[in-house]
Amino acid sequence: MLTARLRRKISPRVLLGHPWVFANELETVEASATDGDVLRLMTHDGKFVGQGYYNSQSQIRIRLLTRDPKATIDAAYFFDQLERCWSYRKKLGYVENCRLVFGEADGLPQLIIDKFNDYFVLQTLALGIDRWKPALVEALEKIFQPKGIYERNDVPVRGLEGLPLQKGFLSAPFDTRIQIRENGLSFHVDLDQGQKTGYFLDQQDNRRAIQHIVREAEVLGAFTYTGTFEVHAAHYGARSVLGLDISASAVEMANANAALNGLSDRCRFEVANAFDVLKSWGKEGKSYDVVMLDPPAFTKSRETIQKAITGYKEINLRGMKLVRPGGFLVTSSCTNLIQPELFLQIIEMAAKDARRKIRQVTYQTQSADHPIVWGQENTQYLKFLIVQVQ
């Protein structure tokens, strides 16, 4: 197997277990290595580090798959890894809908596979794993006998790997508008047009966390997407629920989700710019027992972190001002560039500026089918917080 060597003086990050090797950490790569090849990574003095796929077009030159020098990277290897991932999810109770593979956290860098009951959505976000797509599809067919497999590689990050953006069927064609069950409720999922892989499985545990605070409450939800938190709130006994989202298609599906569960009488959605509405309704003196905020990531690069901090602070300040004394704010952030400590500091700053006292009810991360690996910051990205606002 072709090899690459690390520089003598680099941080111990890679040797301590991190799977990414950056361009400035490599001393040499064998001249015959081609992009997508699996290479053996060695230290400067010839000690084995791991095996991983290489791409000269990416700033992350090598993404490590294994630290086992005897491992053979072939179709059987990926079959075994998918079986291992499935075994882990089953042990945790995620058997119907789950993130089957969470990239680096599962030792399969830049591979995402979401399981929606009998349907699977796959993303191969690096050249090295993209080459193994046929083997991955074959493994899914053997392990699960799925009703359908769909590719959602319409993700801009693929451009950093020199890969085209594309989506489509990896199995026989099927209707990509499906239904799933979550926490006793039914939801429409559009695998072709929905955001990311069509549905945000990472909040499935957090949606149960609101069940007590919303009972008999008047609830406002902002950035609702297809209304999962809001439908849960109505199901858990909210007196009324209003959800806002800027996307007309998302609002249409959110109202359909409310109807699907027989909750349209207490749960409705409207097209609106949540930033503007939160601000104007605060000035008008409107108030709610519970305000829920689930915004998109405000930044995807370190250069715009300050802008994201300002945005998160602003919406949480506006949200708090709409909460009646003794009510609750439910808020999330889904960017790994805003680390947990910073997120909590942002909420604290918002509370001070809103002149409201808060106390923490619960703080959680993403559901456990999206495992967090300590020392790999990119695996811990979701922050979910409920506070009482006084």
Protein backbone atom coordinates (compact mmCIF):
# COMPACT_ATOMS: atom_id res chain seq x y z
CA MET A 1 0.00 0.00 0.00
CA LEU A 2 1.16 3.53 -0.75
CA THR A 3 2.30 5.61 2.22
CA ALA A 4 2.37 9.17 3.49
CA ARG A 5 4.56 10.51 6.30
CA LEU A 6 3.86 13.11 8.93
CA ARG A 7 6.21 16.00 9.63
CA ARG A 8 8.50 15.68 12.63
CA LYS A 9 7.10 18.70 14.47
CA ILE A 10 3.30 18.67 14.51
CA SER A 11 0.71 18.78 17.27
CA PRO A 12 -0.05 15.37 18.85
CA ARG A 13 -3.68 15.67 17.73
CA VAL A 14 -3.49 12.95 15.04
CA LEU A 15 -1.43 10.57 17.18
CA LEU A 16 -3.97 10.99 20.00
CA GLY A 17 -6.84 9.82 17.82
CA HIS A 18 -8.15 12.63 15.63
CA PRO A 19 -8.93 11.31 12.12
CA TRP A 20 -8.05 14.44 10.10
CA VAL A 21 -4.59 15.09 8.68
CA PHE A 22 -4.15 18.56 7.20
CA ALA A 23 -1.92 19.49 4.29
CA ASN A 24 0.64 21.28 6.49
CA GLU A 25 1.03 18.18 8.68
CA LEU A 26 2.33 15.96 5.88
CA GLU A 27 6.01 15.68 5.02
CA THR A 28 5.70 13.37 2.01
CA VAL A 29 3.12 11.49 -0.03
CA GLU A 30 4.21 8.86 -2.52
CA ALA A 31 4.23 10.35 -6.00
CA SER A 32 2.08 7.57 -7.46
CA ALA A 33 -0.77 8.20 -4.99
CA THR A 34 -3.96 9.38 -6.66
CA ASP A 35 -6.87 11.21 -5.11
CA GLY A 36 -9.25 8.80 -3.39
CA ASP A 37 -6.60 6.15 -2.70
CA VAL A 38 -6.34 4.58 0.75
CA LEU A 39 -2.84 5.28 2.13
CA ARG A 40 -0.85 4.06 5.12
CA LEU A 41 0.03 7.02 7.32
CA MET A 42 3.40 6.83 9.09
CA THR A 43 5.21 9.08 11.54
CA HIS A 44 8.36 10.85 10.35
CA ASP A 45 10.46 7.97 11.70
CA GLY A 46 8.39 5.18 10.14
CA LYS A 47 5.93 4.17 12.87
CA PHE A 48 2.44 3.17 11.69
CA VAL A 49 -0.37 5.63 12.50
CA GLY A 50 -3.38 4.50 10.47
CA GLN A 51 -5.02 3.98 7.11
CA GLY A 52 -7.18 6.57 5.42
CA TYR A 53 -8.28 8.05 2.15
CA TYR A 54 -6.25 10.76 0.47
CA ASN A 55 -7.26 13.81 -1.55
CA SER A 56 -4.73 16.38 -2.75
CA GLN A 57 -7.58 18.81 -3.57
CA SER A 58 -8.74 19.06 0.04
CA GLN A 59 -7.14 20.93 2.91
CA ILE A 60 -7.81 17.75 4.89
CA ARG A 61 -5.39 15.59 2.93
CA ILE A 62 -6.05 12.29 4.70
CA ARG A 63 -9.13 11.12 6.62
CA LEU A 64 -8.27 8.10 8.75
CA LEU A 65 -10.51 5.03 8.67
CA THR A 66 -8.64 2.69 11.01
CA ARG A 67 -5.62 2.45 13.31
CA ASP A 68 -5.32 -1.27 12.58
CA PRO A 69 -2.28 -2.02 10.38
CA LYS A 70 -3.75 -5.41 9.43
CA ALA A 71 -7.14 -4.14 8.28
CA THR A 72 -7.97 -4.61 4.60
CA ILE A 73 -10.03 -1.75 3.23
CA ASP A 74 -12.45 -3.41 0.82
CA ALA A 75 -16.18 -3.95 0.36
CA ALA A 76 -16.23 -6.47 3.23
CA TYR A 77 -14.66 -3.86 5.51
CA PHE A 78 -17.49 -1.39 4.89
CA PHE A 79 -20.12 -4.11 5.28
CA ASP A 80 -18.70 -4.94 8.71
CA GLN A 81 -18.62 -1.27 9.68
CA LEU A 82 -22.28 -0.76 8.76
CA GLU A 83 -23.24 -3.85 10.77
CA ARG A 84 -21.31 -2.44 13.72
CA CYS A 85 -23.12 0.91 13.41
CA TRP A 86 -26.50 -0.83 13.27
CA SER A 87 -25.69 -2.95 16.32
CA TYR A 88 -24.84 0.20 18.30
CA ARG A 89 -28.11 1.93 17.36
CA LYS A 90 -30.18 -1.13 18.22
CA LYS A 91 -28.57 -1.33 21.66
CA LEU A 92 -29.63 2.27 22.29
CA GLY A 93 -33.19 1.64 21.08
CA TYR A 94 -32.99 3.50 17.77
CA VAL A 95 -34.53 0.83 15.56
CA GLU A 96 -37.12 2.69 13.47
CA ASN A 97 -35.61 6.07 12.54
CA CYS A 98 -32.00 6.94 13.24
CA ARG A 99 -28.73 8.27 11.92
CA LEU A 100 -27.20 4.93 11.05
CA VAL A 101 -23.78 6.41 10.27
CA PHE A 102 -22.50 9.71 11.69
CA GLY A 103 -19.25 10.19 9.80
CA GLU A 104 -16.13 10.55 11.92
CA ALA A 105 -18.00 9.59 15.10
CA ASP A 106 -18.51 6.13 13.59
CA GLY A 107 -15.04 5.81 12.07
CA LEU A 108 -16.37 6.45 8.55
CA PRO A 109 -15.27 10.02 7.78
CA GLN A 110 -17.72 12.14 5.80
CA LEU A 111 -20.29 9.38 5.43
CA ILE A 112 -23.85 10.11 6.53
CA ILE A 113 -26.61 7.52 6.34
CA ASP A 114 -30.05 8.23 7.76
CA LYS A 115 -32.58 5.44 8.26
CA PHE A 116 -36.25 6.33 7.90
CA ASN A 117 -37.85 3.02 8.74
CA ASP A 118 -37.39 1.05 5.48
CA TYR A 119 -35.87 3.93 3.50
CA PHE A 120 -32.29 5.19 3.57
CA VAL A 121 -30.68 8.48 2.59
CA LEU A 122 -26.95 8.51 1.92
CA GLN A 123 -24.38 11.32 1.72
CA THR A 124 -20.75 10.73 0.70
CA LEU A 125 -19.09 14.07 1.38
CA ALA A 126 -15.44 13.21 0.66
CA LEU A 127 -13.85 11.72 -2.44
CA GLY A 128 -12.43 8.75 -0.56
CA ILE A 129 -15.81 7.54 0.72
CA ASP A 130 -17.60 8.50 -2.49
CA ARG A 131 -15.55 5.86 -4.32
CA TRP A 132 -17.04 3.20 -2.05
CA LYS A 133 -20.65 4.21 -2.70
CA PRO A 134 -21.51 1.02 -4.67
CA ALA A 135 -20.15 -1.13 -1.83
CA LEU A 136 -22.15 0.87 0.72
CA VAL A 137 -25.37 0.46 -1.26
CA GLU A 138 -24.73 -3.27 -1.59
CA ALA A 139 -24.15 -3.53 2.17
CA LEU A 140 -27.40 -1.68 2.93
CA GLU A 141 -29.28 -4.01 0.58
CA LYS A 142 -27.87 -7.10 2.30
CA ILE A 143 -28.34 -5.93 5.89
CA PHE A 144 -31.76 -4.25 5.63
CA GLN A 145 -33.50 -5.26 2.37
CA PRO A 146 -34.75 -1.65 2.18
CA LYS A 147 -37.70 -0.33 0.21
CA GLY A 148 -35.48 2.40 -1.19
CA ILE A 149 -32.11 4.17 -1.03
CA TYR A 150 -31.71 7.82 -2.05
CA GLU A 151 -28.61 9.95 -2.53
CA ARG A 152 -28.57 13.54 -1.19
CA ASN A 153 -25.17 14.66 -2.36
CA ASP A 154 -26.46 18.12 -3.24
CA VAL A 155 -24.24 19.54 -0.49
CA PRO A 156 -21.82 22.43 -1.21
CA VAL A 157 -19.07 20.91 0.97
CA ARG A 158 -18.54 18.31 -1.77
CA GLY A 159 -17.09 21.09 -3.90
CA LEU A 160 -14.14 21.32 -1.49
CA GLU A 161 -13.35 17.72 -2.42
CA GLY A 162 -13.64 18.31 -6.17
CA LEU A 163 -16.92 16.39 -6.26
CA PRO A 164 -20.07 17.31 -8.22
CA LEU A 165 -23.37 18.05 -6.51
CA GLN A 166 -25.96 15.40 -7.29
CA LYS A 167 -28.96 13.55 -5.94
CA GLY A 168 -31.11 10.66 -7.06
CA PHE A 169 -32.01 7.02 -6.62
CA LEU A 170 -29.42 4.44 -5.59
CA SER A 171 -32.08 1.74 -5.73
CA ALA A 172 -35.15 1.18 -7.86
CA PRO A 173 -37.16 4.44 -7.99
CA PHE A 174 -39.80 5.02 -5.30
CA ASP A 175 -42.05 7.82 -4.02
CA THR A 176 -39.67 10.08 -2.09
CA ARG A 177 -42.50 11.61 -0.04
CA ILE A 178 -42.80 9.15 2.82
CA GLN A 179 -44.27 9.05 6.33
CA ILE A 180 -42.46 8.19 9.54
CA ARG A 181 -43.48 7.73 13.17
CA GLU A 182 -41.77 9.57 16.01
CA ASN A 183 -42.78 9.62 19.67
CA GLY A 184 -46.23 8.30 18.77
CA LEU A 185 -46.80 10.91 16.05
CA SER A 186 -46.73 10.73 12.24
CA PHE A 187 -44.77 13.07 9.98
CA HIS A 188 -44.44 13.62 6.27
CA VAL A 189 -40.83 13.52 5.06
CA ASP A 190 -39.67 14.66 1.63
CA LEU A 191 -36.41 12.84 0.96
CA ASP A 192 -35.86 14.66 -2.33
CA GLN A 193 -36.71 18.28 -1.50
CA GLY A 194 -36.40 18.43 2.30
CA GLN A 195 -33.47 20.06 4.05
CA LYS A 196 -30.34 17.95 4.62
CA THR A 197 -31.55 14.34 4.32
CA GLY A 198 -35.20 15.38 4.56
CA TYR A 199 -35.77 15.41 8.32
CA PHE A 200 -33.89 16.41 11.48
CA LEU A 201 -33.51 13.18 13.42
CA ASP A 202 -31.02 14.78 15.82
CA GLN A 203 -33.84 16.50 17.77
CA GLN A 204 -36.06 13.44 18.21
CA ASP A 205 -35.18 13.03 21.91
CA ASN A 206 -35.30 16.76 22.57
CA ARG A 207 -38.83 16.98 21.23
CA ARG A 208 -39.97 14.78 24.11
CA ALA A 209 -38.35 17.15 26.59
CA ILE A 210 -41.07 19.80 26.09
CA GLN A 211 -43.99 17.56 27.09
CA HIS A 212 -44.55 18.94 30.60
CA ILE A 213 -43.91 22.65 30.04
CA VAL A 214 -46.36 22.95 27.10
CA ARG A 215 -49.39 21.42 28.81
CA GLU A 216 -52.29 23.93 28.74
CA ALA A 217 -49.86 26.53 27.34
CA GLU A 218 -50.13 29.08 24.57
CA VAL A 219 -47.10 28.29 22.42
CA LEU A 220 -45.21 30.21 19.73
CA GLY A 221 -42.66 28.45 17.55
CA ALA A 222 -40.22 30.24 15.23
CA PHE A 223 -38.06 28.73 12.48
CA THR A 224 -40.41 25.75 12.57
CA TYR A 225 -39.37 24.06 9.30
CA THR A 226 -41.97 21.26 8.98
CA GLY A 227 -43.39 21.78 12.45
CA THR A 228 -42.16 18.82 14.45
CA PHE A 229 -41.67 20.65 17.75
CA GLU A 230 -45.01 22.44 17.36
CA VAL A 231 -46.97 19.27 16.53
CA HIS A 232 -45.36 17.63 19.57
CA ALA A 233 -46.45 20.60 21.70
CA ALA A 234 -50.07 20.25 20.56
CA HIS A 235 -49.92 16.49 21.12
CA TYR A 236 -48.60 17.06 24.65
CA GLY A 237 -51.61 19.22 25.54
CA ALA A 238 -50.84 22.80 24.52
CA ARG A 239 -53.95 24.98 24.41
CA SER A 240 -52.83 26.62 21.16
CA VAL A 241 -49.72 26.51 18.98
CA LEU A 242 -48.64 28.96 16.28
CA GLY A 243 -45.58 28.18 14.15
CA LEU A 244 -43.69 30.60 11.89
CA ASP A 245 -41.30 29.89 9.03
CA ILE A 246 -40.12 31.90 6.04
CA SER A 247 -40.49 28.94 3.67
CA ALA A 248 -43.95 28.55 2.14
CA SER A 249 -43.28 24.91 1.24
CA ALA A 250 -42.16 24.13 4.81
CA VAL A 251 -45.29 25.79 6.22
CA GLU A 252 -47.45 23.80 3.82
CA MET A 253 -45.91 20.53 5.06
CA ALA A 254 -46.11 21.69 8.69
CA ASN A 255 -49.85 22.28 8.37
CA ALA A 256 -50.14 18.88 6.68
CA ASN A 257 -48.29 17.31 9.63
CA ALA A 258 -50.71 18.93 12.06
CA ALA A 259 -53.64 17.59 10.03
CA LEU A 260 -52.04 14.15 9.77
CA ASN A 261 -52.15 13.90 13.56
CA GLY A 262 -55.61 15.43 13.97
CA LEU A 263 -54.23 18.56 15.63
CA SER A 264 -55.18 21.31 13.16
CA ASP A 265 -57.71 22.75 15.60
CA ARG A 266 -54.92 23.71 18.02
CA CYS A 267 -51.82 23.85 15.84
CA ARG A 268 -51.35 26.06 12.78
CA PHE A 269 -48.47 27.53 10.81
CA GLU A 270 -47.95 30.78 8.91
CA VAL A 271 -45.34 32.08 6.47
CA ALA A 272 -43.39 34.87 8.15
CA ASN A 273 -39.90 36.25 8.66
CA ALA A 274 -39.30 35.19 12.26
CA PHE A 275 -36.66 37.88 12.87
CA ASP A 276 -39.10 40.65 11.98
CA VAL A 277 -42.09 39.11 13.73
CA LEU A 278 -40.31 38.45 17.03
CA LYS A 279 -39.19 42.07 17.14
CA SER A 280 -42.51 43.66 16.16
CA TRP A 281 -44.64 41.44 18.40
CA GLY A 282 -42.39 42.25 21.34
CA LYS A 283 -43.03 45.96 20.77
CA GLU A 284 -46.75 45.28 20.49
CA GLY A 285 -46.74 43.56 23.89
CA LYS A 286 -47.75 40.11 22.71
CA SER A 287 -46.81 37.26 25.01
CA TYR A 288 -46.84 33.48 25.21
CA ASP A 289 -46.41 30.82 27.86
CA VAL A 290 -43.76 29.02 25.80
CA VAL A 291 -41.59 30.33 22.97
CA MET A 292 -39.60 27.80 20.92
CA LEU A 293 -36.68 28.80 18.67
CA ASP A 294 -34.99 26.29 16.36
CA PRO A 295 -33.04 28.42 13.86
CA PRO A 296 -30.76 27.20 11.09
CA ALA A 297 -26.99 27.42 11.48
CA PHE A 298 -26.02 31.09 11.32
CA THR A 299 -22.44 30.32 10.27
CA LYS A 300 -20.52 27.63 8.44
CA SER A 301 -17.09 29.28 8.71
CA ARG A 302 -14.97 30.69 11.51
CA GLU A 303 -14.79 34.03 9.71
CA THR A 304 -18.47 34.72 10.40
CA ILE A 305 -18.73 33.49 14.00
CA GLN A 306 -19.20 37.00 15.38
CA LYS A 307 -22.13 37.56 13.03
CA ALA A 308 -23.64 34.28 14.20
CA ILE A 309 -23.20 35.26 17.87
CA THR A 310 -25.04 38.51 17.18
CA GLY A 311 -27.84 36.65 15.40
CA TYR A 312 -28.31 34.05 18.14
CA LYS A 313 -28.29 36.71 20.83
CA GLU A 314 -30.84 38.81 18.96
CA ILE A 315 -33.41 36.07 18.40
CA ASN A 316 -33.11 34.77 21.96
CA LEU A 317 -33.47 38.27 23.38
CA ARG A 318 -36.61 38.79 21.26
CA GLY A 319 -37.91 35.38 22.22
CA MET A 320 -37.45 36.02 25.95
CA LYS A 321 -39.33 39.30 25.72
CA LEU A 322 -42.34 37.40 24.39
CA VAL A 323 -42.37 34.91 27.28
CA ARG A 324 -44.80 35.62 30.10
CA PRO A 325 -43.23 35.69 33.59
CA GLY A 326 -42.82 32.11 34.72
CA GLY A 327 -43.04 30.81 31.17
CA PHE A 328 -40.39 28.96 29.20
CA LEU A 329 -37.96 29.54 26.35
CA VAL A 330 -36.94 26.51 24.29
CA THR A 331 -33.91 27.25 22.13
CA SER A 332 -31.34 25.44 19.98
CA SER A 333 -28.16 26.00 17.99
CA CYS A 334 -27.01 23.50 15.38
CA THR A 335 -23.56 24.77 14.41
CA ASN A 336 -20.47 23.09 15.86
CA LEU A 337 -18.58 26.39 15.51
CA ILE A 338 -20.64 27.72 18.43
CA GLN A 339 -19.38 25.52 21.25
CA PRO A 340 -21.62 24.73 24.27
CA GLU A 341 -19.95 27.17 26.65
CA LEU A 342 -20.26 30.01 24.13
CA PHE A 343 -23.89 29.13 23.41
CA LEU A 344 -24.79 29.36 27.10
CA GLN A 345 -22.91 32.67 27.35
CA ILE A 346 -24.99 34.00 24.44
CA ILE A 347 -28.22 33.05 26.22
CA GLU A 348 -26.97 34.71 29.40
CA MET A 349 -26.14 37.91 27.51
CA ALA A 350 -29.57 37.87 25.87
CA ALA A 351 -31.27 37.52 29.26
CA LYS A 352 -29.32 40.46 30.69
CA ASP A 353 -30.19 42.67 27.73
CA ALA A 354 -33.83 41.60 27.94
CA ARG A 355 -33.74 42.33 31.68
CA ARG A 356 -35.16 38.90 32.41
CA LYS A 357 -34.00 36.38 34.99
CA ILE A 358 -33.66 32.81 33.72
CA ARG A 359 -33.09 29.45 35.31
CA GLN A 360 -32.08 26.30 33.48
CA VAL A 361 -34.62 23.51 33.19
CA THR A 362 -32.68 21.17 30.93
CA TYR A 363 -29.66 21.22 28.65
CA GLN A 364 -29.13 18.46 26.08
CA THR A 365 -27.20 17.74 22.89
CA GLN A 366 -28.15 15.76 19.80
CA SER A 367 -29.81 12.36 20.16
CA ALA A 368 -27.47 9.47 20.95
CA ASP A 369 -27.66 8.00 17.46
CA HIS A 370 -25.45 11.00 16.58
CA PRO A 371 -22.62 10.00 18.97
CA ILE A 372 -20.17 12.53 20.38
CA VAL A 373 -16.49 11.60 20.41
CA TRP A 374 -14.49 13.55 22.99
CA GLY A 375 -11.62 15.40 21.37
CA GLN A 376 -13.45 15.71 18.04
CA GLU A 377 -15.32 19.00 18.25
CA ASN A 378 -17.12 18.51 14.94
CA THR A 379 -19.07 15.57 16.42
CA GLN A 380 -20.71 17.78 19.08
CA TYR A 381 -22.75 20.38 17.29
CA LEU A 382 -26.32 20.58 18.64
CA LYS A 383 -27.16 22.52 21.77
CA PHE A 384 -30.71 22.31 23.15
CA LEU A 385 -31.78 24.39 26.14
CA ILE A 386 -34.97 24.99 28.08
CA VAL A 387 -35.00 27.87 30.57
CA GLN A 388 -37.73 29.35 32.71
CA VAL A 389 -38.03 33.08 32.14
CA GLN A 390 -38.99 35.20 35.13
